Amino acid sequence: MTTAVKPVSVNKESSYRRNAKLLVHIILIMGSFIMIFPFVWMILTSFKTQGEAIMIPPILLPSSWEPVSYVEVLRTLPFDKLYFNTIVLMLARIVCATVTSSMAGFAFAKLEFPFKKLFFFIVLTQLMLPSQVFIIPQYGMLSAMNQLNTIFALIFPGLVSAFGTFFLRQFYMGLPNDLSEAAKLDGCNVFQTFFLILMPLTKTAMMALAVFTALFAYSDMMWPLIVNMNIEKMTLSAGISSLQGQHSTNYPVMMAGSALAMIPMLVLYLLFQRQFIEGIALTGTKA
């Protein structure tokens, strides 16, 4: 009677896989710690005193957990106005970007019209140029319309999106032309083909565009500071930047304001977590 002997190579391969898996988990844990540590440090610093915040060597935990900095920042800044302006900015830019980019993407992908390639080249040119190039022209247009220091001034650069147009054009190009031809044979015109047939198939792509538009709008700091001088017309990122002094900065108060400014994005992520993940995954898999 003979007993089966397990091949040594199988044991080595299994041990190699376990070691590789362990190494991957260690790297992921270290990466997660590196990413989350700034947020932990921000929360801890918001409870420190100014002396503890600038102490060398730095200390991790505050001596007390009294929310003095939160009371101070709520007294200093009109957070109700900042929250309102930020939410309006995000919603308006999301609506404008998804609507205009979807129509433009459909036109560039499925329609034939004069100077189509030239117009699309202009869109690509806007993507290749830094956004700072357009600040002076956009500021001049708002000044001519007498719309400086308004909520509309915050929304103005996001009325159209070159990135959204390019992104949705690529998605529309991935849809088979047979759908458009079948709709045409059934008597649909261009608008019906777009609204009833093709646009419903791009909901995932539009959600991805909405996710990134919301992130870009939320983190936009320079433009609100340029077009608005009144603190009540600014967004969260611009309002928080006003806490930084020219010669000295109260870091606990600034960290408390930053922690409060994170609330809208945390709420959005908790409500639309699945859409955030799908949107990011789509941008990584769709050409």
C-alpha atoms as a PDB file:
ATOM      1  CA  MET A   1       0.000   0.000   0.000  1.00  0.00           C
ATOM      2  CA  THR A   2       1.464   3.308  -1.071  1.00  0.00           C
ATOM      3  CA  THR A   3       0.616   6.745   0.295  1.00  0.00           C
ATOM      4  CA  ALA A   4       0.250   9.729  -1.982  1.00  0.00           C
ATOM      5  CA  VAL A   5       2.960  12.277  -1.484  1.00  0.00           C
ATOM      6  CA  LYS A   6       1.987  15.899  -2.017  1.00  0.00           C
ATOM      7  CA  PRO A   7       4.296  17.516  -4.542  1.00  0.00           C
ATOM      8  CA  VAL A   8       6.780  19.901  -3.045  1.00  0.00           C
ATOM      9  CA  SER A   9       6.149  22.425  -5.829  1.00  0.00           C
ATOM     10  CA  VAL A  10       2.499  22.768  -4.787  1.00  0.00           C
ATOM     11  CA  ASN A  11       3.527  23.578  -1.223  1.00  0.00           C
ATOM     12  CA  LYS A  12       6.038  26.132  -2.429  1.00  0.00           C
ATOM     13  CA  GLU A  13       3.452  27.734  -4.711  1.00  0.00           C
ATOM     14  CA  SER A  14       0.882  27.908  -1.905  1.00  0.00           C
ATOM     15  CA  SER A  15       3.450  29.442   0.453  1.00  0.00           C
ATOM     16  CA  TYR A  16       4.440  31.971  -2.217  1.00  0.00           C
ATOM     17  CA  ARG A  17       0.814  33.014  -2.700  1.00  0.00           C
ATOM     18  CA  ARG A  18       0.292  33.454   1.052  1.00  0.00           C
ATOM     19  CA  ASN A  19       3.428  35.570   1.340  1.00  0.00           C
ATOM     20  CA  ALA A  20       2.435  37.664  -1.677  1.00  0.00           C
ATOM     21  CA  LYS A  21      -1.059  38.184  -0.260  1.00  0.00           C
ATOM     22  CA  LEU A  22       0.370  39.175   3.104  1.00  0.00           C
ATOM     23  CA  LEU A  23       2.729  41.662   1.444  1.00  0.00           C
ATOM     24  CA  VAL A  24      -0.147  43.199  -0.517  1.00  0.00           C
ATOM     25  CA  HIS A  25      -2.218  43.600   2.645  1.00  0.00           C
ATOM     26  CA  ILE A  26       0.702  45.232   4.474  1.00  0.00           C
ATOM     27  CA  ILE A  27       1.196  47.713   1.616  1.00  0.00           C
ATOM     28  CA  LEU A  28      -2.534  48.513   1.518  1.00  0.00           C
ATOM     29  CA  ILE A  29      -2.655  49.040   5.283  1.00  0.00           C
ATOM     30  CA  MET A  30       0.346  51.363   5.130  1.00  0.00           C
ATOM     31  CA  GLY A  31      -1.194  53.272   2.219  1.00  0.00           C
ATOM     32  CA  SER A  32      -4.511  53.599   4.060  1.00  0.00           C
ATOM     33  CA  PHE A  33      -2.720  54.914   7.148  1.00  0.00           C
ATOM     34  CA  ILE A  34      -0.795  57.470   5.084  1.00  0.00           C
ATOM     35  CA  MET A  35      -4.026  58.709   3.471  1.00  0.00           C
ATOM     36  CA  ILE A  36      -6.121  58.888   6.641  1.00  0.00           C
ATOM     37  CA  PHE A  37      -3.454  60.329   8.959  1.00  0.00           C
ATOM     38  CA  PRO A  38      -3.837  63.954   7.686  1.00  0.00           C
ATOM     39  CA  PHE A  39      -7.561  63.836   8.486  1.00  0.00           C
ATOM     40  CA  VAL A  40      -6.889  62.415  11.954  1.00  0.00           C
ATOM     41  CA  TRP A  41      -4.252  65.100  12.532  1.00  0.00           C
ATOM     42  CA  MET A  42      -6.724  67.778  11.404  1.00  0.00           C
ATOM     43  CA  ILE A  43      -9.364  66.632  13.898  1.00  0.00           C
ATOM     44  CA  LEU A  44      -6.844  66.378  16.735  1.00  0.00           C
ATOM     45  CA  THR A  45      -5.351  69.804  15.972  1.00  0.00           C
ATOM     46  CA  SER A  46      -8.815  71.392  15.981  1.00  0.00           C
ATOM     47  CA  PHE A  47      -9.040  70.582  19.715  1.00  0.00           C
ATOM     48  CA  LYS A  48      -5.541  71.826  20.582  1.00  0.00           C
ATOM     49  CA  THR A  49      -4.526  75.258  21.727  1.00  0.00           C
ATOM     50  CA  GLN A  50      -2.429  77.483  19.489  1.00  0.00           C
ATOM     51  CA  GLY A  51       0.643  76.703  21.582  1.00  0.00           C
ATOM     52  CA  GLU A  52       0.082  72.960  21.299  1.00  0.00           C
ATOM     53  CA  ALA A  53      -0.487  73.231  17.535  1.00  0.00           C
ATOM     54  CA  ILE A  54       2.895  74.876  16.891  1.00  0.00           C
ATOM     55  CA  MET A  55       4.862  72.962  19.519  1.00  0.00           C
ATOM     56  CA  ILE A  56       8.221  71.477  18.474  1.00  0.00           C
ATOM     57  CA  PRO A  57       8.451  68.510  18.637  1.00  0.00           C
ATOM     58  CA  PRO A  58       4.740  68.131  17.811  1.00  0.00           C
ATOM     59  CA  ILE A  59       2.353  66.391  20.160  1.00  0.00           C
ATOM     60  CA  LEU A  60      -0.382  64.058  18.948  1.00  0.00           C
ATOM     61  CA  LEU A  61      -3.193  64.421  21.500  1.00  0.00           C
ATOM     62  CA  PRO A  62      -4.570  67.715  22.850  1.00  0.00           C
ATOM     63  CA  SER A  63      -4.493  68.402  26.585  1.00  0.00           C
ATOM     64  CA  SER A  64      -8.278  68.961  26.610  1.00  0.00           C
ATOM     65  CA  TRP A  65     -11.175  68.178  24.250  1.00  0.00           C
ATOM     66  CA  GLU A  66     -13.088  71.424  24.543  1.00  0.00           C
ATOM     67  CA  PRO A  67     -14.531  72.644  21.194  1.00  0.00           C
ATOM     68  CA  VAL A  68     -13.235  76.195  21.618  1.00  0.00           C
ATOM     69  CA  SER A  69     -11.944  76.394  18.035  1.00  0.00           C
ATOM     70  CA  TYR A  70     -15.273  75.247  16.600  1.00  0.00           C
ATOM     71  CA  VAL A  71     -17.115  77.961  18.527  1.00  0.00           C
ATOM     72  CA  GLU A  72     -14.602  80.533  17.303  1.00  0.00           C
ATOM     73  CA  VAL A  73     -14.789  79.536  13.646  1.00  0.00           C
ATOM     74  CA  LEU A  74     -18.600  79.501  13.704  1.00  0.00           C
ATOM     75  CA  ARG A  75     -18.471  83.002  15.164  1.00  0.00           C
ATOM     76  CA  THR A  76     -15.941  84.199  12.591  1.00  0.00           C
ATOM     77  CA  LEU A  77     -17.404  82.786   9.375  1.00  0.00           C
ATOM     78  CA  PRO A  78     -21.040  82.675   8.158  1.00  0.00           C
ATOM     79  CA  PHE A  79     -21.098  78.914   7.639  1.00  0.00           C
ATOM     80  CA  ASP A  80     -24.792  78.884   6.736  1.00  0.00           C
ATOM     81  CA  LYS A  81     -24.051  81.105   3.724  1.00  0.00           C
ATOM     82  CA  LEU A  82     -20.910  79.150   2.824  1.00  0.00           C
ATOM     83  CA  TYR A  83     -22.795  75.847   2.922  1.00  0.00           C
ATOM     84  CA  PHE A  84     -25.611  77.273   0.813  1.00  0.00           C
ATOM     85  CA  ASN A  85     -23.263  78.766  -1.800  1.00  0.00           C
ATOM     86  CA  THR A  86     -21.257  75.549  -2.054  1.00  0.00           C
ATOM     87  CA  ILE A  87     -24.342  73.352  -2.484  1.00  0.00           C
ATOM     88  CA  VAL A  88     -25.823  75.704  -5.095  1.00  0.00           C
ATOM     89  CA  LEU A  89     -22.485  75.789  -6.930  1.00  0.00           C
ATOM     90  CA  MET A  90     -22.205  71.995  -6.990  1.00  0.00           C
ATOM     91  CA  LEU A  91     -25.803  71.359  -8.067  1.00  0.00           C
ATOM     92  CA  ALA A  92     -25.769  74.046 -10.754  1.00  0.00           C
ATOM     93  CA  ARG A  93     -22.483  72.895 -12.242  1.00  0.00           C
ATOM     94  CA  ILE A  94     -23.608  69.248 -12.183  1.00  0.00           C
ATOM     95  CA  VAL A  95     -26.828  70.057 -14.044  1.00  0.00           C
ATOM     96  CA  CYS A  96     -25.121  72.329 -16.577  1.00  0.00           C
ATOM     97  CA  ALA A  97     -22.220  69.954 -17.191  1.00  0.00           C
ATOM     98  CA  THR A  98     -24.336  66.821 -17.642  1.00  0.00           C
ATOM     99  CA  VAL A  99     -26.950  68.471 -19.872  1.00  0.00           C
ATOM    100  CA  THR A 100     -24.640  70.428 -22.175  1.00  0.00           C
ATOM    101  CA  SER A 101     -21.941  67.741 -22.297  1.00  0.00           C
ATOM    102  CA  SER A 102     -24.456  65.016 -23.096  1.00  0.00           C
ATOM    103  CA  MET A 103     -25.905  66.964 -26.019  1.00  0.00           C
ATOM    104  CA  ALA A 104     -22.502  68.017 -27.320  1.00  0.00           C
ATOM    105  CA  GLY A 105     -21.075  64.521 -26.885  1.00  0.00           C
ATOM    106  CA  PHE A 106     -23.986  63.031 -28.835  1.00  0.00           C
ATOM    107  CA  ALA A 107     -23.565  65.587 -31.615  1.00  0.00           C
ATOM    108  CA  PHE A 108     -19.818  65.000 -31.976  1.00  0.00           C
ATOM    109  CA  ALA A 109     -20.228  61.212 -31.869  1.00  0.00           C
ATOM    110  CA  LYS A 110     -23.333  60.533 -33.958  1.00  0.00           C
ATOM    111  CA  LEU A 111     -24.101  63.558 -36.127  1.00  0.00           C
ATOM    112  CA  GLU A 112     -22.467  65.016 -39.204  1.00  0.00           C
ATOM    113  CA  PHE A 113     -22.320  68.805 -39.555  1.00  0.00           C
ATOM    114  CA  PRO A 114     -19.978  71.399 -41.095  1.00  0.00           C
ATOM    115  CA  PHE A 115     -16.664  72.073 -39.303  1.00  0.00           C
ATOM    116  CA  LYS A 116     -17.279  69.184 -36.917  1.00  0.00           C
ATOM    117  CA  LYS A 117     -13.595  68.311 -36.597  1.00  0.00           C
ATOM    118  CA  LEU A 118     -12.642  71.968 -36.137  1.00  0.00           C
ATOM    119  CA  PHE A 119     -15.141  72.447 -33.317  1.00  0.00           C
ATOM    120  CA  PHE A 120     -13.996  69.273 -31.607  1.00  0.00           C
ATOM    121  CA  PHE A 121     -10.382  70.402 -31.941  1.00  0.00           C
ATOM    122  CA  ILE A 122     -11.358  73.625 -30.137  1.00  0.00           C
ATOM    123  CA  VAL A 123     -12.837  71.522 -27.321  1.00  0.00           C
ATOM    124  CA  LEU A 124      -9.625  69.493 -27.074  1.00  0.00           C
ATOM    125  CA  THR A 125      -7.584  72.704 -27.090  1.00  0.00           C
ATOM    126  CA  GLN A 126      -9.476  73.907 -24.024  1.00  0.00           C
ATOM    127  CA  LEU A 127      -8.577  70.638 -22.298  1.00  0.00           C
ATOM    128  CA  MET A 128      -4.898  71.025 -23.128  1.00  0.00           C
ATOM    129  CA  LEU A 129      -4.591  74.620 -21.925  1.00  0.00           C
ATOM    130  CA  PRO A 130      -4.302  75.389 -18.199  1.00  0.00           C
ATOM    131  CA  SER A 131      -7.470  76.766 -16.642  1.00  0.00           C
ATOM    132  CA  GLN A 132      -5.653  79.932 -15.537  1.00  0.00           C
ATOM    133  CA  VAL A 133      -5.566  81.061 -19.174  1.00  0.00           C
ATOM    134  CA  PHE A 134      -9.339  81.594 -19.153  1.00  0.00           C
ATOM    135  CA  ILE A 135      -9.550  83.545 -15.887  1.00  0.00           C
ATOM    136  CA  ILE A 136      -9.089  87.023 -17.382  1.00  0.00           C
ATOM    137  CA  PRO A 137     -11.543  86.521 -20.307  1.00  0.00           C
ATOM    138  CA  GLN A 138     -14.165  85.010 -18.001  1.00  0.00           C
ATOM    139  CA  TYR A 139     -13.681  87.800 -15.478  1.00  0.00           C
ATOM    140  CA  GLY A 140     -14.080  90.384 -18.256  1.00  0.00           C
ATOM    141  CA  MET A 141     -17.291  88.750 -19.464  1.00  0.00           C
ATOM    142  CA  LEU A 142     -18.793  88.762 -15.958  1.00  0.00           C
ATOM    143  CA  SER A 143     -17.720  92.379 -15.459  1.00  0.00           C
ATOM    144  CA  ALA A 144     -19.396  93.369 -18.732  1.00  0.00           C
ATOM    145  CA  MET A 145     -22.594  91.606 -17.601  1.00  0.00           C
ATOM    146  CA  ASN A 146     -22.363  93.302 -14.176  1.00  0.00           C
ATOM    147  CA  GLN A 147     -22.425  89.886 -12.486  1.00  0.00           C
ATOM    148  CA  LEU A 148     -19.369  90.104 -10.255  1.00  0.00           C
ATOM    149  CA  ASN A 149     -19.875  89.267  -6.578  1.00  0.00           C
ATOM    150  CA  THR A 150     -22.925  87.100  -7.323  1.00  0.00           C
ATOM    151  CA  ILE A 151     -23.840  83.435  -7.128  1.00  0.00           C
ATOM    152  CA  PHE A 152     -23.991  83.340 -10.942  1.00  0.00           C
ATOM    153  CA  ALA A 153     -20.320  84.331 -11.042  1.00  0.00           C
ATOM    154  CA  LEU A 154     -19.477  81.127  -9.164  1.00  0.00           C
ATOM    155  CA  ILE A 155     -21.403  78.975 -11.646  1.00  0.00           C
ATOM    156  CA  PHE A 156     -20.306  80.730 -14.833  1.00  0.00           C
ATOM    157  CA  PRO A 157     -17.125  78.707 -15.651  1.00  0.00           C
ATOM    158  CA  GLY A 158     -19.073  75.459 -15.240  1.00  0.00           C
ATOM    159  CA  LEU A 159     -21.893  76.232 -17.655  1.00  0.00           C
ATOM    160  CA  VAL A 160     -20.109  74.010 -20.176  1.00  0.00           C
ATOM    161  CA  SER A 161     -17.465  71.345 -19.643  1.00  0.00           C
ATOM    162  CA  ALA A 162     -14.814  70.437 -22.190  1.00  0.00           C
ATOM    163  CA  PHE A 163     -13.873  67.366 -20.148  1.00  0.00           C
ATOM    164  CA  GLY A 164     -17.519  66.293 -19.964  1.00  0.00           C
ATOM    165  CA  THR A 165     -17.979  66.755 -23.708  1.00  0.00           C
ATOM    166  CA  PHE A 166     -14.936  64.636 -24.506  1.00  0.00           C
ATOM    167  CA  PHE A 167     -15.837  61.995 -21.914  1.00  0.00           C
ATOM    168  CA  LEU A 168     -19.444  61.542 -23.066  1.00  0.00           C
ATOM    169  CA  ARG A 169     -18.435  61.678 -26.725  1.00  0.00           C
ATOM    170  CA  GLN A 170     -16.234  58.646 -26.127  1.00  0.00           C
ATOM    171  CA  PHE A 171     -19.121  56.882 -24.422  1.00  0.00           C
ATOM    172  CA  TYR A 172     -21.585  57.689 -27.230  1.00  0.00           C
ATOM    173  CA  MET A 173     -19.081  56.432 -29.789  1.00  0.00           C
ATOM    174  CA  GLY A 174     -19.130  53.083 -27.979  1.00  0.00           C
ATOM    175  CA  LEU A 175     -22.874  52.714 -28.603  1.00  0.00           C
ATOM    176  CA  PRO A 176     -23.716  50.811 -31.800  1.00  0.00           C
ATOM    177  CA  ASN A 177     -24.979  52.834 -34.760  1.00  0.00           C
ATOM    178  CA  ASP A 178     -27.672  50.205 -35.268  1.00  0.00           C
ATOM    179  CA  LEU A 179     -29.648  51.808 -32.437  1.00  0.00           C
ATOM    180  CA  SER A 180     -29.770  55.171 -34.204  1.00  0.00           C
ATOM    181  CA  GLU A 181     -30.613  53.565 -37.538  1.00  0.00           C
ATOM    182  CA  ALA A 182     -33.390  51.466 -36.002  1.00  0.00           C
ATOM    183  CA  ALA A 183     -34.839  54.548 -34.307  1.00  0.00           C
ATOM    184  CA  LYS A 184     -34.740  56.416 -37.617  1.00  0.00           C
ATOM    185  CA  LEU A 185     -36.582  53.580 -39.354  1.00  0.00           C
ATOM    186  CA  ASP A 186     -39.230  53.713 -36.629  1.00  0.00           C
ATOM    187  CA  GLY A 187     -39.825  57.380 -37.399  1.00  0.00           C
ATOM    188  CA  CYS A 188     -37.760  59.043 -34.655  1.00  0.00           C
ATOM    189  CA  ASN A 189     -36.121  62.354 -35.411  1.00  0.00           C
ATOM    190  CA  VAL A 190     -32.725  63.402 -34.043  1.00  0.00           C
ATOM    191  CA  PHE A 191     -34.113  64.765 -30.781  1.00  0.00           C
ATOM    192  CA  GLN A 192     -36.224  61.675 -30.129  1.00  0.00           C
ATOM    193  CA  THR A 193     -33.269  59.411 -30.900  1.00  0.00           C
ATOM    194  CA  PHE A 194     -31.149  61.331 -28.436  1.00  0.00           C
ATOM    195  CA  PHE A 195     -33.639  61.763 -25.588  1.00  0.00           C
ATOM    196  CA  LEU A 196     -35.518  58.452 -25.841  1.00  0.00           C
ATOM    197  CA  ILE A 197     -32.972  55.962 -27.196  1.00  0.00           C
ATOM    198  CA  LEU A 198     -29.343  56.890 -26.570  1.00  0.00           C
ATOM    199  CA  MET A 199     -29.301  59.218 -23.571  1.00  0.00           C
ATOM    200  CA  PRO A 200     -30.935  56.650 -21.209  1.00  0.00           C
ATOM    201  CA  LEU A 201     -28.059  54.291 -22.025  1.00  0.00           C
ATOM    202  CA  THR A 202     -25.508  56.814 -20.728  1.00  0.00           C
ATOM    203  CA  LYS A 203     -26.849  57.165 -17.180  1.00  0.00           C
ATOM    204  CA  THR A 204     -23.745  55.552 -15.695  1.00  0.00           C
ATOM    205  CA  ALA A 205     -21.446  57.843 -17.676  1.00  0.00           C
ATOM    206  CA  MET A 206     -23.439  60.920 -16.673  1.00  0.00           C
ATOM    207  CA  MET A 207     -23.287  59.820 -13.047  1.00  0.00           C
ATOM    208  CA  ALA A 208     -19.509  59.523 -13.348  1.00  0.00           C
ATOM    209  CA  LEU A 209     -19.361  63.024 -14.831  1.00  0.00           C
ATOM    210  CA  ALA A 210     -21.596  64.328 -12.041  1.00  0.00           C
ATOM    211  CA  VAL A 211     -19.281  62.816  -9.424  1.00  0.00           C
ATOM    212  CA  PHE A 212     -16.158  64.490 -10.782  1.00  0.00           C
ATOM    213  CA  THR A 213     -17.970  67.772 -11.464  1.00  0.00           C
ATOM    214  CA  ALA A 214     -19.092  67.845  -7.826  1.00  0.00           C
ATOM    215  CA  LEU A 215     -15.532  67.159  -6.633  1.00  0.00           C
ATOM    216  CA  PHE A 216     -14.045  69.856  -8.879  1.00  0.00           C
ATOM    217  CA  ALA A 217     -16.695  72.398  -7.837  1.00  0.00           C
ATOM    218  CA  TYR A 218     -16.263  71.628  -4.146  1.00  0.00           C
ATOM    219  CA  SER A 219     -12.475  72.024  -4.252  1.00  0.00           C
ATOM    220  CA  ASP A 220     -12.463  75.168  -6.434  1.00  0.00           C
ATOM    221  CA  MET A 221     -10.916  77.939  -4.343  1.00  0.00           C
ATOM    222  CA  MET A 222      -9.193  80.368  -6.690  1.00  0.00           C
ATOM    223  CA  TRP A 223     -12.188  81.343  -8.833  1.00  0.00           C
ATOM    224  CA  PRO A 224     -14.544  82.251  -5.931  1.00  0.00           C
ATOM    225  CA  LEU A 225     -11.785  84.394  -4.435  1.00  0.00           C
ATOM    226  CA  ILE A 226     -11.323  86.242  -7.733  1.00  0.00           C
ATOM    227  CA  VAL A 227     -14.940  87.067  -8.617  1.00  0.00           C
ATOM    228  CA  ASN A 228     -16.358  87.596  -5.124  1.00  0.00           C
ATOM    229  CA  MET A 229     -15.200  90.048  -2.470  1.00  0.00           C
ATOM    230  CA  ASN A 230     -18.065  89.508  -0.029  1.00  0.00           C
ATOM    231  CA  ILE A 231     -17.533  86.599   2.369  1.00  0.00           C
ATOM    232  CA  GLU A 232     -21.254  85.784   2.178  1.00  0.00           C
ATOM    233  CA  LYS A 233     -20.917  85.087  -1.563  1.00  0.00           C
ATOM    234  CA  MET A 234     -17.971  82.712  -1.215  1.00  0.00           C
ATOM    235  CA  THR A 235     -17.824  78.934  -0.992  1.00  0.00           C
ATOM    236  CA  LEU A 236     -16.441  76.770   1.801  1.00  0.00           C
ATOM    237  CA  SER A 237     -12.949  76.418   0.349  1.00  0.00           C
ATOM    238  CA  ALA A 238     -12.640  80.174  -0.279  1.00  0.00           C
ATOM    239  CA  GLY A 239     -14.080  81.029   3.118  1.00  0.00           C
ATOM    240  CA  ILE A 240     -11.681  78.718   4.955  1.00  0.00           C
ATOM    241  CA  SER A 241      -8.726  80.276   3.137  1.00  0.00           C
ATOM    242  CA  SER A 242      -9.624  83.635   4.693  1.00  0.00           C
ATOM    243  CA  LEU A 243      -8.687  82.209   8.110  1.00  0.00           C
ATOM    244  CA  GLN A 244      -5.016  82.170   7.129  1.00  0.00           C
ATOM    245  CA  GLY A 245      -3.362  85.353   8.343  1.00  0.00           C
ATOM    246  CA  GLN A 246      -0.587  87.232   6.599  1.00  0.00           C
ATOM    247  CA  HIS A 247       1.913  86.897   9.451  1.00  0.00           C
ATOM    248  CA  SER A 248       0.377  84.304  11.776  1.00  0.00           C
ATOM    249  CA  THR A 249      -2.374  81.721  11.562  1.00  0.00           C
ATOM    250  CA  ASN A 250      -4.560  80.240  14.279  1.00  0.00           C
ATOM    251  CA  TYR A 251      -4.132  76.622  13.213  1.00  0.00           C
ATOM    252  CA  PRO A 252      -6.713  75.066  15.571  1.00  0.00           C
ATOM    253  CA  VAL A 253      -9.384  77.432  14.238  1.00  0.00           C
ATOM    254  CA  MET A 254      -8.381  76.703  10.653  1.00  0.00           C
ATOM    255  CA  MET A 255      -8.463  72.954  11.292  1.00  0.00           C
ATOM    256  CA  ALA A 256     -11.887  73.286  12.917  1.00  0.00           C
ATOM    257  CA  GLY A 257     -13.143  75.163   9.856  1.00  0.00           C
ATOM    258  CA  SER A 258     -11.670  72.538   7.547  1.00  0.00           C
ATOM    259  CA  ALA A 259     -13.377  69.777   9.523  1.00  0.00           C
ATOM    260  CA  LEU A 260     -16.729  71.565   9.238  1.00  0.00           C
ATOM    261  CA  ALA A 261     -16.139  72.129   5.512  1.00  0.00           C
ATOM    262  CA  MET A 262     -15.826  68.381   4.975  1.00  0.00           C
ATOM    263  CA  ILE A 263     -19.416  67.729   6.052  1.00  0.00           C
ATOM    264  CA  PRO A 264     -21.131  68.290   2.637  1.00  0.00           C
ATOM    265  CA  MET A 265     -18.850  65.867   0.792  1.00  0.00           C
ATOM    266  CA  LEU A 266     -19.116  63.274   3.565  1.00  0.00           C
ATOM    267  CA  VAL A 267     -22.911  63.457   3.415  1.00  0.00           C
ATOM    268  CA  LEU A 268     -22.891  63.204  -0.386  1.00  0.00           C
ATOM    269  CA  TYR A 269     -20.565  60.222  -0.269  1.00  0.00           C
ATOM    270  CA  LEU A 270     -22.685  58.415   2.312  1.00  0.00           C
ATOM    271  CA  LEU A 271     -25.847  59.031   0.271  1.00  0.00           C
ATOM    272  CA  PHE A 272     -24.343  58.203  -3.128  1.00  0.00           C
ATOM    273  CA  GLN A 273     -21.555  55.793  -2.222  1.00  0.00           C
ATOM    274  CA  ARG A 274     -22.469  53.280  -4.921  1.00  0.00           C
ATOM    275  CA  GLN A 275     -22.601  55.969  -7.616  1.00  0.00           C
ATOM    276  CA  PHE A 276     -19.199  57.335  -6.523  1.00  0.00           C
ATOM    277  CA  ILE A 277     -17.600  53.904  -6.817  1.00  0.00           C
ATOM    278  CA  GLU A 278     -19.284  53.135 -10.143  1.00  0.00           C
ATOM    279  CA  GLY A 279     -18.290  56.512 -11.539  1.00  0.00           C
ATOM    280  CA  ILE A 280     -14.632  56.138 -10.599  1.00  0.00           C
ATOM    281  CA  ALA A 281     -14.594  52.537 -11.882  1.00  0.00           C
ATOM    282  CA  LEU A 282     -16.156  53.636 -15.172  1.00  0.00           C
ATOM    283  CA  THR A 283     -13.496  56.273 -15.823  1.00  0.00           C
ATOM    284  CA  GLY A 284     -10.863  53.590 -15.374  1.00  0.00           C
ATOM    285  CA  THR A 285     -12.442  51.070 -17.750  1.00  0.00           C
ATOM    286  CA  LYS A 286     -14.116  53.139 -20.435  1.00  0.00           C
ATOM    287  CA  ALA A 287     -12.015  54.606 -23.202  1.00  0.00           C
END
